């Protein structure tokens, strides 16, 4: 499979990357997103309970919740069944 990532793949990438707390700029850089769309994706994941917000002094960090682990597992399983491989992500 080549081409653009789906919205679900981007969510998966963000959640996998945020297994430990990450800053907004780290997320958009690692997941290759622009600021506007990155903010939309992160806000959606926070609203749905897949990411939580942590404060570290004046920094805002995002970390995947237990609820996110279910999404990661389900998405990985579905992706593997469709494409006979696990989703790739350059961690």
PDB file of N, CA and C in Angstrom:
ATOM      1  N   UNK A   1       0.849  -1.169   0.000  1.00  0.00           N
ATOM      2  CA  UNK A   1       0.000   0.000   0.000  1.00  0.00           C
ATOM      3  C   UNK A   1       0.901   1.241   0.000  1.00  0.00           C
ATOM      4  N   UNK A   2       0.617   2.135  -0.881  1.00  0.00           N
ATOM      5  CA  UNK A   2       1.384   3.371  -0.948  1.00  0.00           C
ATOM      6  C   UNK A   2       0.423   4.542  -0.973  1.00  0.00           C
ATOM      7  N   UNK A   3       0.979   5.725  -0.903  1.00  0.00           N
ATOM      8  CA  UNK A   3       0.134   6.905  -0.995  1.00  0.00           C
ATOM      9  C   UNK A   3      -0.106   7.535   0.351  1.00  0.00           C
ATOM     10  N   UNK A   4      -1.132   8.320   0.394  1.00  0.00           N
ATOM     11  CA  UNK A   4      -1.463   9.088   1.600  1.00  0.00           C
ATOM     12  C   UNK A   4      -1.962   8.189   2.718  1.00  0.00           C
ATOM     13  N   UNK A   5      -1.661   8.603   3.924  1.00  0.00           N
ATOM     14  CA  UNK A   5      -2.147   7.889   5.100  1.00  0.00           C
ATOM     15  C   UNK A   5      -3.617   8.228   5.326  1.00  0.00           C
ATOM     16  N   UNK A   6      -4.329   7.264   5.844  1.00  0.00           N
ATOM     17  CA  UNK A   6      -5.717   7.527   6.217  1.00  0.00           C
ATOM     18  C   UNK A   6      -5.735   8.241   7.562  1.00  0.00           C
ATOM     19  N   UNK A   7      -6.858   8.816   7.878  1.00  0.00           N
ATOM     20  CA  UNK A   7      -7.061   9.455   9.168  1.00  0.00           C
ATOM     21  C   UNK A   7      -6.805   8.462  10.303  1.00  0.00           C
ATOM     22  N   UNK A   8      -7.243   7.225  10.125  1.00  0.00           N
ATOM     23  CA  UNK A   8      -7.081   6.203  11.155  1.00  0.00           C
ATOM     24  C   UNK A   8      -5.609   5.850  11.361  1.00  0.00           C
ATOM     25  N   UNK A   9      -4.828   5.844  10.285  1.00  0.00           N
ATOM     26  CA  UNK A   9      -3.393   5.597  10.405  1.00  0.00           C
ATOM     27  C   UNK A   9      -2.711   6.736  11.154  1.00  0.00           C
ATOM     28  N   UNK A  10      -3.120   7.955  10.876  1.00  0.00           N
ATOM     29  CA  UNK A  10      -2.535   9.103  11.569  1.00  0.00           C
ATOM     30  C   UNK A  10      -2.871   9.045  13.051  1.00  0.00           C
ATOM     31  N   UNK A  11      -4.118   8.737  13.389  1.00  0.00           N
ATOM     32  CA  UNK A  11      -4.481   8.578  14.796  1.00  0.00           C
ATOM     33  C   UNK A  11      -3.612   7.500  15.440  1.00  0.00           C
ATOM     34  N   UNK A  12      -3.450   6.386  14.759  1.00  0.00           N
ATOM     35  CA  UNK A  12      -2.641   5.280  15.272  1.00  0.00           C
ATOM     36  C   UNK A  12      -1.205   5.745  15.510  1.00  0.00           C
ATOM     37  N   UNK A  13      -0.634   6.460  14.547  1.00  0.00           N
ATOM     38  CA  UNK A  13       0.739   6.948  14.693  1.00  0.00           C
ATOM     39  C   UNK A  13       0.885   7.872  15.905  1.00  0.00           C
ATOM     40  N   UNK A  14      -0.055   8.788  16.058  1.00  0.00           N
ATOM     41  CA  UNK A  14      -0.007   9.710  17.202  1.00  0.00           C
ATOM     42  C   UNK A  14      -0.073   8.930  18.511  1.00  0.00           C
ATOM     43  N   UNK A  15      -0.999   7.997  18.595  1.00  0.00           N
ATOM     44  CA  UNK A  15      -1.183   7.240  19.836  1.00  0.00           C
ATOM     45  C   UNK A  15       0.018   6.356  20.150  1.00  0.00           C
ATOM     46  N   UNK A  16       0.594   5.736  19.143  1.00  0.00           N
ATOM     47  CA  UNK A  16       1.785   4.909  19.363  1.00  0.00           C
ATOM     48  C   UNK A  16       2.944   5.784  19.843  1.00  0.00           C
ATOM     49  N   UNK A  17       3.121   6.934  19.218  1.00  0.00           N
ATOM     50  CA  UNK A  17       4.206   7.835  19.598  1.00  0.00           C
ATOM     51  C   UNK A  17       4.020   8.375  21.009  1.00  0.00           C
ATOM     52  N   UNK A  18       2.780   8.550  21.420  1.00  0.00           N
ATOM     53  CA  UNK A  18       2.484   9.153  22.728  1.00  0.00           C
ATOM     54  C   UNK A  18       2.342   8.122  23.845  1.00  0.00           C
ATOM     55  N   UNK A  19       2.957   6.966  23.704  1.00  0.00           N
ATOM     56  CA  UNK A  19       2.941   5.997  24.810  1.00  0.00           C
ATOM     57  C   UNK A  19       3.622   6.587  26.030  1.00  0.00           C
ATOM     58  N   UNK A  20       4.566   7.472  25.800  1.00  0.00           N
ATOM     59  CA  UNK A  20       5.135   8.280  26.880  1.00  0.00           C
ATOM     60  C   UNK A  20       4.814   9.734  26.551  1.00  0.00           C
ATOM     61  N   UNK A  21       4.763  10.614  27.542  1.00  0.00           N
ATOM     62  CA  UNK A  21       4.344  12.003  27.309  1.00  0.00           C
ATOM     63  C   UNK A  21       5.200  12.715  26.256  1.00  0.00           C
ATOM     64  N   UNK A  22       4.510  13.406  25.345  1.00  0.00           N
ATOM     65  CA  UNK A  22       5.182  14.120  24.255  1.00  0.00           C
ATOM     66  C   UNK A  22       4.596  15.522  24.115  1.00  0.00           C
ATOM     67  N   UNK A  23       5.452  16.452  23.717  1.00  0.00           N
ATOM     68  CA  UNK A  23       5.031  17.824  23.444  1.00  0.00           C
ATOM     69  C   UNK A  23       4.392  17.891  22.056  1.00  0.00           C
ATOM     70  N   UNK A  24       3.567  18.904  21.858  1.00  0.00           N
ATOM     71  CA  UNK A  24       2.884  19.101  20.579  1.00  0.00           C
ATOM     72  C   UNK A  24       3.875  19.125  19.416  1.00  0.00           C
ATOM     73  N   UNK A  25       4.946  19.883  19.547  1.00  0.00           N
ATOM     74  CA  UNK A  25       5.903  19.992  18.433  1.00  0.00           C
ATOM     75  C   UNK A  25       6.572  18.655  18.137  1.00  0.00           C
ATOM     76  N   UNK A  26       6.841  17.861  19.167  1.00  0.00           N
ATOM     77  CA  UNK A  26       7.422  16.541  18.939  1.00  0.00           C
ATOM     78  C   UNK A  26       6.451  15.652  18.158  1.00  0.00           C
ATOM     79  N   UNK A  27       5.168  15.739  18.492  1.00  0.00           N
ATOM     80  CA  UNK A  27       4.152  14.922  17.818  1.00  0.00           C
ATOM     81  C   UNK A  27       4.051  15.310  16.350  1.00  0.00           C
ATOM     82  N   UNK A  28       3.908  16.599  16.072  1.00  0.00           N
ATOM     83  CA  UNK A  28       3.722  16.987  14.666  1.00  0.00           C
ATOM     84  C   UNK A  28       4.981  16.734  13.840  1.00  0.00           C
ATOM     85  N   UNK A  29       6.142  16.885  14.456  1.00  0.00           N
ATOM     86  CA  UNK A  29       7.376  16.594  13.717  1.00  0.00           C
ATOM     87  C   UNK A  29       7.521  15.111  13.424  1.00  0.00           C
ATOM     88  N   UNK A  30       7.315  14.277  14.429  1.00  0.00           N
ATOM     89  CA  UNK A  30       7.490  12.827  14.258  1.00  0.00           C
ATOM     90  C   UNK A  30       6.435  12.230  13.336  1.00  0.00           C
ATOM     91  N   UNK A  31       5.210  12.746  13.421  1.00  0.00           N
ATOM     92  CA  UNK A  31       4.108  12.212  12.619  1.00  0.00           C
ATOM     93  C   UNK A  31       3.952  12.936  11.283  1.00  0.00           C
ATOM     94  N   UNK A  32       4.845  13.873  11.000  1.00  0.00           N
ATOM     95  CA  UNK A  32       4.868  14.603   9.734  1.00  0.00           C
ATOM     96  C   UNK A  32       3.527  15.286   9.437  1.00  0.00           C
ATOM     97  N   UNK A  33       3.104  16.138  10.379  1.00  0.00           N
ATOM     98  CA  UNK A  33       1.846  16.871  10.264  1.00  0.00           C
ATOM     99  C   UNK A  33       2.125  18.367  10.288  1.00  0.00           C
ATOM    100  N   UNK A  34       1.236  19.147   9.699  1.00  0.00           N
ATOM    101  CA  UNK A  34       1.367  20.588   9.887  1.00  0.00           C
ATOM    102  C   UNK A  34       0.646  20.964  11.181  1.00  0.00           C
ATOM    103  N   UNK A  35       0.921  22.157  11.664  1.00  0.00           N
ATOM    104  CA  UNK A  35       0.380  22.570  12.971  1.00  0.00           C
ATOM    105  C   UNK A  35      -1.135  22.551  13.019  1.00  0.00           C
ATOM    106  N   UNK A  36      -1.774  23.042  11.966  1.00  0.00           N
ATOM    107  CA  UNK A  36      -3.241  23.136  11.973  1.00  0.00           C
ATOM    108  C   UNK A  36      -3.886  21.755  12.042  1.00  0.00           C
ATOM    109  N   UNK A  37      -3.506  20.872  11.145  1.00  0.00           N
ATOM    110  CA  UNK A  37      -4.130  19.541  11.164  1.00  0.00           C
ATOM    111  C   UNK A  37      -3.688  18.750  12.389  1.00  0.00           C
ATOM    112  N   UNK A  38      -2.442  18.925  12.796  1.00  0.00           N
ATOM    113  CA  UNK A  38      -1.969  18.248  13.998  1.00  0.00           C
ATOM    114  C   UNK A  38      -2.788  18.633  15.208  1.00  0.00           C
ATOM    115  N   UNK A  39      -3.086  19.915  15.341  1.00  0.00           N
ATOM    116  CA  UNK A  39      -3.903  20.381  16.462  1.00  0.00           C
ATOM    117  C   UNK A  39      -5.311  19.787  16.406  1.00  0.00           C
ATOM    118  N   UNK A  40      -5.881  19.712  15.201  1.00  0.00           N
ATOM    119  CA  UNK A  40      -7.217  19.114  15.057  1.00  0.00           C
ATOM    120  C   UNK A  40      -7.215  17.648  15.475  1.00  0.00           C
ATOM    121  N   UNK A  41      -6.214  16.883  15.025  1.00  0.00           N
ATOM    122  CA  UNK A  41      -6.137  15.466  15.374  1.00  0.00           C
ATOM    123  C   UNK A  41      -5.955  15.280  16.877  1.00  0.00           C
ATOM    124  N   UNK A  42      -5.059  16.054  17.460  1.00  0.00           N
ATOM    125  CA  UNK A  42      -4.792  15.934  18.892  1.00  0.00           C
ATOM    126  C   UNK A  42      -6.019  16.317  19.708  1.00  0.00           C
ATOM    127  N   UNK A  43      -6.686  17.404  19.344  1.00  0.00           N
ATOM    128  CA  UNK A  43      -7.902  17.805  20.058  1.00  0.00           C
ATOM    129  C   UNK A  43      -8.969  16.724  19.980  1.00  0.00           C
ATOM    130  N   UNK A  44      -9.130  16.112  18.815  1.00  0.00           N
ATOM    131  CA  UNK A  44     -10.104  15.036  18.656  1.00  0.00           C
ATOM    132  C   UNK A  44      -9.765  13.874  19.586  1.00  0.00           C
ATOM    133  N   UNK A  45      -8.487  13.472  19.598  1.00  0.00           N
ATOM    134  CA  UNK A  45      -8.076  12.344  20.428  1.00  0.00           C
ATOM    135  C   UNK A  45      -8.232  12.650  21.917  1.00  0.00           C
ATOM    136  N   UNK A  46      -8.011  13.893  22.322  1.00  0.00           N
ATOM    137  CA  UNK A  46      -8.228  14.298  23.715  1.00  0.00           C
ATOM    138  C   UNK A  46      -9.715  14.235  24.041  1.00  0.00           C
ATOM    139  N   UNK A  47     -10.546  14.785  23.163  1.00  0.00           N
ATOM    140  CA  UNK A  47     -11.995  14.787  23.400  1.00  0.00           C
ATOM    141  C   UNK A  47     -12.558  13.372  23.507  1.00  0.00           C
ATOM    142  N   UNK A  48     -12.009  12.448  22.740  1.00  0.00           N
ATOM    143  CA  UNK A  48     -12.488  11.062  22.755  1.00  0.00           C
ATOM    144  C   UNK A  48     -11.888  10.245  23.893  1.00  0.00           C
ATOM    145  N   UNK A  49     -10.943  10.817  24.629  1.00  0.00           N
ATOM    146  CA  UNK A  49     -10.358  10.119  25.754  1.00  0.00           C
ATOM    147  C   UNK A  49      -9.187   9.223  25.406  1.00  0.00           C
ATOM    148  N   UNK A  50      -8.636   9.345  24.202  1.00  0.00           N
ATOM    149  CA  UNK A  50      -7.487   8.537  23.800  1.00  0.00           C
ATOM    150  C   UNK A  50      -6.160   9.174  24.199  1.00  0.00           C
ATOM    151  N   UNK A  51      -6.135  10.487  24.337  1.00  0.00           N
ATOM    152  CA  UNK A  51      -4.967  11.214  24.825  1.00  0.00           C
ATOM    153  C   UNK A  51      -5.370  11.995  26.053  1.00  0.00           C
ATOM    154  N   UNK A  52      -4.461  12.090  26.998  1.00  0.00           N
ATOM    155  CA  UNK A  52      -4.698  12.969  28.135  1.00  0.00           C
ATOM    156  C   UNK A  52      -3.646  14.071  28.105  1.00  0.00           C
ATOM    157  N   UNK A  53      -4.003  15.178  28.720  1.00  0.00           N
ATOM    158  CA  UNK A  53      -3.127  16.346  28.771  1.00  0.00           C
ATOM    159  C   UNK A  53      -2.442  16.374  30.125  1.00  0.00           C
ATOM    160  N   UNK A  54      -1.137  16.542  30.100  1.00  0.00           N
ATOM    161  CA  UNK A  54      -0.361  16.662  31.334  1.00  0.00           C
ATOM    162  C   UNK A  54       0.396  17.981  31.292  1.00  0.00           C
ATOM    163  N   UNK A  55       0.478  18.626  32.429  1.00  0.00           N
ATOM    164  CA  UNK A  55       1.250  19.865  32.534  1.00  0.00           C
ATOM    165  C   UNK A  55       2.585  19.537  33.188  1.00  0.00           C
ATOM    166  N   UNK A  56       3.643  20.069  32.604  1.00  0.00           N
ATOM    167  CA  UNK A  56       4.989  19.933  33.150  1.00  0.00           C
ATOM    168  C   UNK A  56       5.565  21.336  33.225  1.00  0.00           C
ATOM    169  N   UNK A  57       5.273  22.006  34.339  1.00  0.00           N
ATOM    170  CA  UNK A  57       5.632  23.425  34.438  1.00  0.00           C
ATOM    171  C   UNK A  57       4.770  24.208  33.470  1.00  0.00           C
ATOM    172  N   UNK A  58       5.403  24.886  32.537  1.00  0.00           N
ATOM    173  CA  UNK A  58       4.647  25.647  31.530  1.00  0.00           C
ATOM    174  C   UNK A  58       4.456  24.865  30.240  1.00  0.00           C
ATOM    175  N   UNK A  59       4.943  23.629  30.200  1.00  0.00           N
ATOM    176  CA  UNK A  59       4.794  22.790  28.999  1.00  0.00           C
ATOM    177  C   UNK A  59       3.537  21.937  29.084  1.00  0.00           C
ATOM    178  N   UNK A  60       2.906  21.753  27.936  1.00  0.00           N
ATOM    179  CA  UNK A  60       1.762  20.854  27.822  1.00  0.00           C
ATOM    180  C   UNK A  60       2.233  19.599  27.110  1.00  0.00           C
ATOM    181  N   UNK A  61       1.984  18.461  27.734  1.00  0.00           N
ATOM    182  CA  UNK A  61       2.368  17.178  27.159  1.00  0.00           C
ATOM    183  C   UNK A  61       1.126  16.332  26.935  1.00  0.00           C
ATOM    184  N   UNK A  62       1.214  15.440  25.978  1.00  0.00           N
ATOM    185  CA  UNK A  62       0.108  14.538  25.644  1.00  0.00           C
ATOM    186  C   UNK A  62       0.589  13.107  25.811  1.00  0.00           C
ATOM    187  N   UNK A  63      -0.259  12.278  26.401  1.00  0.00           N
ATOM    188  CA  UNK A  63       0.084  10.875  26.607  1.00  0.00           C
ATOM    189  C   UNK A  63      -1.140  10.008  26.322  1.00  0.00           C
ATOM    190  N   UNK A  64      -0.893   8.869  25.680  1.00  0.00           N
ATOM    191  CA  UNK A  64      -1.971   7.941  25.357  1.00  0.00           C
ATOM    192  C   UNK A  64      -2.555   7.357  26.644  1.00  0.00           C
ATOM    193  N   UNK A  65      -3.849   7.217  26.669  1.00  0.00           N
ATOM    194  CA  UNK A  65      -4.554   6.653  27.819  1.00  0.00           C
ATOM    195  C   UNK A  65      -4.719   5.139  27.641  1.00  0.00           C
ATOM    196  N   UNK A  66      -5.235   4.491  28.655  1.00  0.00           N
ATOM    197  CA  UNK A  66      -5.539   3.069  28.548  1.00  0.00           C
ATOM    198  C   UNK A  66      -6.543   2.796  27.439  1.00  0.00           C
ATOM    199  N   UNK A  67      -7.449   3.724  27.250  1.00  0.00           N
ATOM    200  CA  UNK A  67      -8.443   3.617  26.179  1.00  0.00           C
ATOM    201  C   UNK A  67      -7.754   3.574  24.808  1.00  0.00           C
ATOM    202  N   UNK A  68      -6.640   4.271  24.668  1.00  0.00           N
ATOM    203  CA  UNK A  68      -5.890   4.308  23.413  1.00  0.00           C
ATOM    204  C   UNK A  68      -5.273   2.959  23.083  1.00  0.00           C
ATOM    205  N   UNK A  69      -4.889   2.221  24.103  1.00  0.00           N
ATOM    206  CA  UNK A  69      -4.248   0.926  23.870  1.00  0.00           C
ATOM    207  C   UNK A  69      -5.203  -0.028  23.156  1.00  0.00           C
ATOM    208  N   UNK A  70      -6.482   0.078  23.466  1.00  0.00           N
ATOM    209  CA  UNK A  70      -7.485  -0.744  22.780  1.00  0.00           C
ATOM    210  C   UNK A  70      -7.544  -0.368  21.298  1.00  0.00           C
ATOM    211  N   UNK A  71      -7.548   0.941  20.996  1.00  0.00           N
ATOM    212  CA  UNK A  71      -7.569   1.402  19.601  1.00  0.00           C
ATOM    213  C   UNK A  71      -6.326   0.910  18.866  1.00  0.00           C
ATOM    214  N   UNK A  72      -5.161   1.054  19.486  1.00  0.00           N
ATOM    215  CA  UNK A  72      -3.908   0.642  18.856  1.00  0.00           C
ATOM    216  C   UNK A  72      -3.960  -0.846  18.508  1.00  0.00           C
ATOM    217  N   UNK A  73      -4.409  -1.667  19.442  1.00  0.00           N
ATOM    218  CA  UNK A  73      -4.482  -3.112  19.213  1.00  0.00           C
ATOM    219  C   UNK A  73      -5.482  -3.463  18.120  1.00  0.00           C
ATOM    220  N   UNK A  74      -6.667  -2.868  18.172  1.00  0.00           N
ATOM    221  CA  UNK A  74      -7.694  -3.161  17.164  1.00  0.00           C
ATOM    222  C   UNK A  74      -7.263  -2.703  15.780  1.00  0.00           C
ATOM    223  N   UNK A  75      -6.713  -1.492  15.698  1.00  0.00           N
ATOM    224  CA  UNK A  75      -6.267  -0.983  14.399  1.00  0.00           C
ATOM    225  C   UNK A  75      -5.141  -1.854  13.835  1.00  0.00           C
ATOM    226  N   UNK A  76      -4.188  -2.218  14.671  1.00  0.00           N
ATOM    227  CA  UNK A  76      -3.060  -3.045  14.224  1.00  0.00           C
ATOM    228  C   UNK A  76      -3.550  -4.388  13.704  1.00  0.00           C
ATOM    229  N   UNK A  77      -4.496  -5.000  14.422  1.00  0.00           N
ATOM    230  CA  UNK A  77      -5.047  -6.288  14.014  1.00  0.00           C
ATOM    231  C   UNK A  77      -5.785  -6.179  12.679  1.00  0.00           C
ATOM    232  N   UNK A  78      -6.627  -5.175  12.539  1.00  0.00           N
ATOM    233  CA  UNK A  78      -7.364  -4.983  11.290  1.00  0.00           C
ATOM    234  C   UNK A  78      -6.411  -4.716  10.130  1.00  0.00           C
ATOM    235  N   UNK A  79      -5.435  -3.857  10.345  1.00  0.00           N
ATOM    236  CA  UNK A  79      -4.464  -3.520   9.307  1.00  0.00           C
ATOM    237  C   UNK A  79      -3.713  -4.769   8.857  1.00  0.00           C
ATOM    238  N   UNK A  80      -3.304  -5.591   9.828  1.00  0.00           N
ATOM    239  CA  UNK A  80      -2.569  -6.809   9.496  1.00  0.00           C
ATOM    240  C   UNK A  80      -3.432  -7.771   8.692  1.00  0.00           C
ATOM    241  N   UNK A  81      -4.705  -7.867   9.031  1.00  0.00           N
ATOM    242  CA  UNK A  81      -5.605  -8.751   8.285  1.00  0.00           C
ATOM    243  C   UNK A  81      -5.829  -8.250   6.863  1.00  0.00           C
ATOM    244  N   UNK A  82      -5.885  -6.941   6.685  1.00  0.00           N
ATOM    245  CA  UNK A  82      -6.110  -6.380   5.348  1.00  0.00           C
ATOM    246  C   UNK A  82      -4.868  -6.442   4.466  1.00  0.00           C
ATOM    247  N   UNK A  83      -3.716  -6.172   5.049  1.00  0.00           N
ATOM    248  CA  UNK A  83      -2.508  -5.997   4.246  1.00  0.00           C
ATOM    249  C   UNK A  83      -1.411  -7.015   4.528  1.00  0.00           C
ATOM    250  N   UNK A  84      -1.681  -8.022   5.349  1.00  0.00           N
ATOM    251  CA  UNK A  84      -0.712  -9.067   5.681  1.00  0.00           C
ATOM    252  C   UNK A  84       0.591  -8.527   6.251  1.00  0.00           C
ATOM    253  N   UNK A  85       0.524  -7.374   6.909  1.00  0.00           N
ATOM    254  CA  UNK A  85       1.686  -6.818   7.597  1.00  0.00           C
ATOM    255  C   UNK A  85       1.182  -5.868   8.665  1.00  0.00           C
ATOM    256  N   UNK A  86       2.038  -5.565   9.625  1.00  0.00           N
ATOM    257  CA  UNK A  86       1.652  -4.607  10.651  1.00  0.00           C
ATOM    258  C   UNK A  86       1.879  -3.201  10.122  1.00  0.00           C
ATOM    259  N   UNK A  87       1.143  -2.219  10.637  1.00  0.00           N
ATOM    260  CA  UNK A  87       1.344  -0.857  10.174  1.00  0.00           C
ATOM    261  C   UNK A  87       2.763  -0.390  10.464  1.00  0.00           C
ATOM    262  N   UNK A  88       3.320   0.350   9.544  1.00  0.00           N
ATOM    263  CA  UNK A  88       4.681   0.841   9.721  1.00  0.00           C
ATOM    264  C   UNK A  88       4.699   2.232  10.314  1.00  0.00           C
ATOM    265  N   UNK A  89       5.677   2.470  11.165  1.00  0.00           N
ATOM    266  CA  UNK A  89       5.848   3.790  11.743  1.00  0.00           C
ATOM    267  C   UNK A  89       7.289   3.916  12.168  1.00  0.00           C
ATOM    268  N   UNK A  90       7.915   4.981  11.812  1.00  0.00           N
ATOM    269  CA  UNK A  90       9.351   5.153  12.028  1.00  0.00           C
ATOM    270  C   UNK A  90       9.662   5.674  13.424  1.00  0.00           C
ATOM    271  N   UNK A  91       9.514   4.850  14.433  1.00  0.00           N
ATOM    272  CA  UNK A  91       9.801   5.276  15.806  1.00  0.00           C
ATOM    273  C   UNK A  91      11.268   5.188  16.111  1.00  0.00           C
TER     274      UNK A  91
END
